[in-house]
Structure formats: C-alpha cells, structure tokens
Amino acid sequence: MDINVKTIKFDATDKLQEFIQKKVSKLEKFCDNIRKVEVSLKVVKPETVMNKQAALTVSLPGEELYAEKVCNTFEEAIQESLSALEKQLQRYKEKQAGK
C-alpha cells in the first residue's frame, strides 16, 4: 500500500507524518487490496478554532473511497476520517462478497 501525504500551504512535522503513516497503515486490517491512500492536509480559515482539514482518498480496484473532516487538530481530523473510511471499507467488502 502506497501512502502519499500532501500538505497545502504548510509543512507537516515529522511527528505528524509518522502519525499519519502509522494510522493509515491500519486500514490494511479492513481490506488487503488497497492500492494507494492519498492524505491531503490543509488549514481552512486560520482565524477559527475548527480549522484543520484532513481529506483521505483510498484507491481500490474499481473503486475510490473518500472521507473529509475538519477538526481542532490534524490528528483528530485524521482519526475521524479514518473511522468513516473503515465503515466504507466494510461496506465495500460486503458488496464484493455479495458478487
């Protein structure tokens, strides 16, 4: 699985990069044919508190799953996006098993 992290208008710290790699790699427990995961981080409205946006795109054979969350911290936004993707992956696997 290839994990690609894009940051828009800021540089992610090594600690944040490691956090993303560790958390995103856990998606393999839910589905073993994930080709690529794109993580896009950006600060939306810097003057507000809830301004860290994480968008994750998971590439699967014949399908792409997407989740985007805006939270107080990037870590929190990534966690919430991953939770949404885990549910989508479970539905994807059920759909594949039904074929």
N, C-alpha and C. Protein backbone atom coordinates (compact mmCIF):
# COMPACT_ATOMS: atom_id res chain seq x y z
N MET A 1 0.85 -1.18 0.00
CA MET A 1 0.00 0.00 0.00
C MET A 1 0.89 1.24 0.00
N ASP A 2 0.58 2.15 -0.91
CA ASP A 2 1.33 3.38 -1.04
C ASP A 2 0.58 4.50 -0.33
N ILE A 3 1.27 5.21 0.58
CA ILE A 3 0.65 6.31 1.32
C ILE A 3 1.31 7.61 0.88
N ASN A 4 0.50 8.52 0.34
CA ASN A 4 1.00 9.79 -0.17
C ASN A 4 0.38 10.91 0.65
N VAL A 5 1.23 11.75 1.27
CA VAL A 5 0.75 12.85 2.11
C VAL A 5 1.03 14.17 1.40
N LYS A 6 -0.03 14.97 1.21
CA LYS A 6 0.11 16.29 0.62
C LYS A 6 -0.31 17.33 1.65
N THR A 7 0.51 18.34 1.82
CA THR A 7 0.14 19.44 2.70
C THR A 7 -0.01 20.69 1.85
N ILE A 8 -1.03 21.45 2.12
CA ILE A 8 -1.31 22.64 1.33
C ILE A 8 -1.02 23.88 2.16
N LYS A 9 -0.05 24.66 1.72
CA LYS A 9 0.37 25.93 2.33
C LYS A 9 0.97 25.79 3.72
N PHE A 10 1.53 24.62 4.05
CA PHE A 10 2.29 24.46 5.28
C PHE A 10 3.11 23.19 5.17
N ASP A 11 4.09 23.03 6.06
CA ASP A 11 4.92 21.81 6.08
C ASP A 11 4.54 20.99 7.30
N ALA A 12 4.27 19.71 7.08
CA ALA A 12 3.93 18.80 8.18
C ALA A 12 5.19 18.41 8.94
N THR A 13 5.08 18.33 10.25
CA THR A 13 6.22 17.91 11.07
C THR A 13 6.46 16.42 10.88
N ASP A 14 7.65 15.97 11.23
CA ASP A 14 7.95 14.54 11.15
C ASP A 14 7.02 13.73 12.04
N LYS A 15 6.70 14.30 13.21
CA LYS A 15 5.80 13.63 14.14
C LYS A 15 4.42 13.41 13.50
N LEU A 16 3.90 14.43 12.81
CA LEU A 16 2.62 14.31 12.13
C LEU A 16 2.71 13.30 10.99
N GLN A 17 3.80 13.31 10.24
CA GLN A 17 4.00 12.36 9.15
C GLN A 17 3.98 10.92 9.68
N GLU A 18 4.70 10.68 10.79
CA GLU A 18 4.75 9.35 11.40
C GLU A 18 3.36 8.92 11.88
N PHE A 19 2.64 9.86 12.49
CA PHE A 19 1.28 9.58 12.97
C PHE A 19 0.40 9.13 11.80
N ILE A 20 0.47 9.84 10.69
CA ILE A 20 -0.33 9.51 9.51
C ILE A 20 0.03 8.13 8.99
N GLN A 21 1.33 7.85 8.84
CA GLN A 21 1.78 6.55 8.33
C GLN A 21 1.27 5.42 9.23
N LYS A 22 1.40 5.60 10.54
CA LYS A 22 1.00 4.57 11.50
C LYS A 22 -0.50 4.31 11.44
N LYS A 23 -1.30 5.38 11.46
CA LYS A 23 -2.75 5.23 11.49
C LYS A 23 -3.31 4.72 10.17
N VAL A 24 -2.82 5.27 9.05
CA VAL A 24 -3.35 4.88 7.74
C VAL A 24 -2.99 3.43 7.42
N SER A 25 -1.81 2.97 7.85
CA SER A 25 -1.42 1.60 7.56
C SER A 25 -2.35 0.58 8.23
N LYS A 26 -3.07 1.00 9.26
CA LYS A 26 -4.03 0.10 9.93
C LYS A 26 -5.25 -0.20 9.06
N LEU A 27 -5.46 0.57 7.99
CA LEU A 27 -6.58 0.30 7.09
C LEU A 27 -6.44 -1.06 6.43
N GLU A 28 -5.20 -1.57 6.34
CA GLU A 28 -4.98 -2.88 5.70
C GLU A 28 -5.66 -4.01 6.47
N LYS A 29 -5.96 -3.79 7.75
CA LYS A 29 -6.68 -4.80 8.52
C LYS A 29 -8.10 -4.99 7.98
N PHE A 30 -8.66 -3.92 7.43
CA PHE A 30 -10.04 -3.96 6.94
C PHE A 30 -10.15 -4.46 5.51
N CYS A 31 -9.12 -4.18 4.72
CA CYS A 31 -9.15 -4.57 3.31
C CYS A 31 -7.72 -4.71 2.82
N ASP A 32 -7.39 -5.88 2.25
CA ASP A 32 -6.00 -6.11 1.88
C ASP A 32 -5.66 -5.74 0.44
N ASN A 33 -6.63 -5.27 -0.35
CA ASN A 33 -6.29 -4.91 -1.71
C ASN A 33 -6.31 -3.39 -1.94
N ILE A 34 -5.94 -2.62 -0.92
CA ILE A 34 -5.81 -1.17 -1.06
C ILE A 34 -4.53 -0.88 -1.84
N ARG A 35 -4.68 -0.14 -2.92
CA ARG A 35 -3.51 0.19 -3.74
C ARG A 35 -2.79 1.42 -3.22
N LYS A 36 -3.57 2.47 -2.95
CA LYS A 36 -2.95 3.74 -2.59
C LYS A 36 -3.88 4.53 -1.68
N VAL A 37 -3.28 5.31 -0.77
CA VAL A 37 -4.05 6.21 0.08
C VAL A 37 -3.45 7.60 -0.07
N GLU A 38 -4.27 8.56 -0.44
CA GLU A 38 -3.84 9.96 -0.55
C GLU A 38 -4.37 10.70 0.66
N VAL A 39 -3.48 11.38 1.38
CA VAL A 39 -3.88 12.18 2.53
C VAL A 39 -3.57 13.63 2.19
N SER A 40 -4.58 14.47 2.25
CA SER A 40 -4.42 15.89 1.95
C SER A 40 -4.76 16.70 3.19
N LEU A 41 -3.80 17.50 3.64
CA LEU A 41 -4.00 18.30 4.86
C LEU A 41 -3.97 19.77 4.50
N LYS A 42 -4.90 20.53 5.10
CA LYS A 42 -4.89 21.96 4.84
C LYS A 42 -5.55 22.71 5.97
N VAL A 43 -5.12 23.95 6.17
CA VAL A 43 -5.72 24.82 7.17
C VAL A 43 -6.75 25.68 6.44
N VAL A 44 -8.02 25.50 6.83
CA VAL A 44 -9.10 26.30 6.19
C VAL A 44 -9.32 27.53 7.07
N LYS A 45 -9.74 28.58 6.91
CA LYS A 45 -9.98 29.71 7.81
C LYS A 45 -9.06 29.74 9.05
N PRO A 46 -7.85 30.27 8.94
CA PRO A 46 -6.91 30.28 10.08
C PRO A 46 -7.43 31.00 11.32
N GLU A 47 -8.40 31.88 11.18
CA GLU A 47 -8.88 32.65 12.33
C GLU A 47 -9.88 31.89 13.20
N THR A 48 -10.34 30.72 12.75
CA THR A 48 -11.29 29.95 13.54
C THR A 48 -10.60 28.81 14.28
N VAL A 49 -11.30 28.24 15.26
CA VAL A 49 -10.72 27.16 16.06
C VAL A 49 -10.74 25.84 15.29
N MET A 50 -11.88 25.47 14.74
CA MET A 50 -12.01 24.22 13.99
C MET A 50 -11.54 24.47 12.56
N ASN A 51 -10.22 24.40 12.32
CA ASN A 51 -9.72 24.82 11.02
C ASN A 51 -8.74 23.85 10.37
N LYS A 52 -8.58 22.67 10.92
CA LYS A 52 -7.64 21.69 10.34
C LYS A 52 -8.45 20.67 9.54
N GLN A 53 -8.20 20.62 8.24
CA GLN A 53 -8.94 19.72 7.36
C GLN A 53 -8.06 18.58 6.89
N ALA A 54 -8.58 17.37 7.02
CA ALA A 54 -7.91 16.17 6.51
C ALA A 54 -8.85 15.50 5.53
N ALA A 55 -8.34 15.25 4.33
CA ALA A 55 -9.12 14.54 3.32
C ALA A 55 -8.34 13.30 2.92
N LEU A 56 -8.98 12.15 2.97
CA LEU A 56 -8.33 10.89 2.63
C LEU A 56 -9.06 10.23 1.47
N THR A 57 -8.28 9.78 0.48
CA THR A 57 -8.82 9.06 -0.66
C THR A 57 -8.15 7.69 -0.70
N VAL A 58 -8.95 6.64 -0.68
CA VAL A 58 -8.44 5.27 -0.73
C VAL A 58 -8.74 4.70 -2.11
N SER A 59 -7.68 4.26 -2.81
CA SER A 59 -7.85 3.67 -4.14
C SER A 59 -7.89 2.15 -4.03
N LEU A 60 -9.01 1.59 -4.48
CA LEU A 60 -9.21 0.14 -4.50
C LEU A 60 -9.45 -0.28 -5.95
N PRO A 61 -9.32 -1.56 -6.26
CA PRO A 61 -9.61 -1.99 -7.63
C PRO A 61 -11.06 -1.67 -8.01
N GLY A 62 -11.23 -0.77 -8.96
CA GLY A 62 -12.56 -0.42 -9.43
C GLY A 62 -13.34 0.55 -8.57
N GLU A 63 -12.73 1.10 -7.55
CA GLU A 63 -13.47 1.99 -6.65
C GLU A 63 -12.52 2.94 -5.93
N GLU A 64 -13.04 4.13 -5.58
CA GLU A 64 -12.31 5.06 -4.73
C GLU A 64 -13.22 5.47 -3.58
N LEU A 65 -12.67 5.42 -2.38
CA LEU A 65 -13.43 5.83 -1.20
C LEU A 65 -12.84 7.15 -0.70
N TYR A 66 -13.70 8.02 -0.18
CA TYR A 66 -13.25 9.36 0.22
C TYR A 66 -13.88 9.76 1.54
N ALA A 67 -13.09 10.40 2.38
CA ALA A 67 -13.61 10.96 3.64
C ALA A 67 -12.86 12.25 3.93
N GLU A 68 -13.60 13.23 4.42
CA GLU A 68 -13.01 14.53 4.73
C GLU A 68 -13.62 15.04 6.03
N LYS A 69 -12.76 15.50 6.92
CA LYS A 69 -13.23 16.03 8.20
C LYS A 69 -12.46 17.29 8.54
N VAL A 70 -13.11 18.21 9.26
CA VAL A 70 -12.49 19.43 9.75
C VAL A 70 -12.59 19.41 11.27
N CYS A 71 -11.44 19.50 11.94
CA CYS A 71 -11.41 19.42 13.41
C CYS A 71 -10.45 20.46 13.99
N ASN A 72 -10.23 20.35 15.28
CA ASN A 72 -9.35 21.24 16.00
C ASN A 72 -7.87 20.96 15.71
N THR A 73 -7.52 19.68 15.54
CA THR A 73 -6.14 19.29 15.24
C THR A 73 -6.13 18.36 14.03
N PHE A 74 -4.99 18.26 13.37
CA PHE A 74 -4.87 17.35 12.23
C PHE A 74 -5.04 15.90 12.67
N GLU A 75 -4.48 15.58 13.84
CA GLU A 75 -4.59 14.21 14.35
C GLU A 75 -6.06 13.80 14.53
N GLU A 76 -6.83 14.70 15.10
CA GLU A 76 -8.26 14.43 15.32
C GLU A 76 -9.00 14.29 13.98
N ALA A 77 -8.68 15.16 13.04
CA ALA A 77 -9.33 15.12 11.72
C ALA A 77 -8.98 13.81 11.00
N ILE A 78 -7.73 13.36 11.14
CA ILE A 78 -7.30 12.11 10.51
C ILE A 78 -8.02 10.93 11.14
N GLN A 79 -8.10 10.91 12.48
CA GLN A 79 -8.78 9.84 13.19
C GLN A 79 -10.25 9.73 12.75
N GLU A 80 -10.94 10.87 12.67
CA GLU A 80 -12.35 10.85 12.29
C GLU A 80 -12.53 10.41 10.84
N SER A 81 -11.63 10.87 9.96
CA SER A 81 -11.69 10.46 8.56
C SER A 81 -11.46 8.96 8.43
N LEU A 82 -10.50 8.44 9.20
CA LEU A 82 -10.22 7.00 9.16
C LEU A 82 -11.41 6.19 9.66
N SER A 83 -12.10 6.68 10.68
CA SER A 83 -13.29 5.99 11.17
C SER A 83 -14.35 5.89 10.09
N ALA A 84 -14.54 6.99 9.36
CA ALA A 84 -15.51 6.99 8.26
C ALA A 84 -15.07 6.03 7.16
N LEU A 85 -13.77 6.00 6.87
CA LEU A 85 -13.27 5.10 5.82
C LEU A 85 -13.39 3.64 6.23
N GLU A 86 -13.20 3.35 7.51
CA GLU A 86 -13.33 1.96 7.98
C GLU A 86 -14.74 1.45 7.69
N LYS A 87 -15.75 2.29 7.94
CA LYS A 87 -17.14 1.90 7.67
C LYS A 87 -17.34 1.69 6.16
N GLN A 88 -16.76 2.59 5.35
CA GLN A 88 -16.89 2.46 3.90
C GLN A 88 -16.21 1.19 3.41
N LEU A 89 -15.05 0.87 3.99
CA LEU A 89 -14.33 -0.34 3.59
C LEU A 89 -15.12 -1.60 3.94
N GLN A 90 -15.79 -1.59 5.09
CA GLN A 90 -16.61 -2.74 5.47
C GLN A 90 -17.76 -2.93 4.49
N ARG A 91 -18.39 -1.81 4.07
CA ARG A 91 -19.47 -1.89 3.08
C ARG A 91 -18.93 -2.37 1.73
N TYR A 92 -17.73 -1.90 1.38
CA TYR A 92 -17.10 -2.32 0.12
C TYR A 92 -16.85 -3.83 0.11
N LYS A 93 -16.32 -4.34 1.24
CA LYS A 93 -16.05 -5.79 1.34
C LYS A 93 -17.34 -6.60 1.28
N GLU A 94 -18.39 -6.11 1.94
CA GLU A 94 -19.69 -6.81 1.90
C GLU A 94 -20.23 -6.84 0.48
N LYS A 95 -20.08 -5.73 -0.23
CA LYS A 95 -20.55 -5.65 -1.61
C LYS A 95 -19.76 -6.62 -2.49
N GLN A 96 -18.42 -6.71 -2.27
CA GLN A 96 -17.58 -7.60 -3.05
C GLN A 96 -17.93 -9.07 -2.75
N ALA A 97 -18.23 -9.36 -1.49
CA ALA A 97 -18.57 -10.74 -1.10
C ALA A 97 -19.92 -11.14 -1.70
N GLY A 98 -20.80 -10.17 -1.91
CA GLY A 98 -22.11 -10.46 -2.45
C GLY A 98 -22.11 -10.72 -3.95
N LYS A 99 -21.03 -10.39 -4.62
CA LYS A 99 -20.96 -10.58 -6.09
C LYS A 99 -20.75 -12.02 -6.46
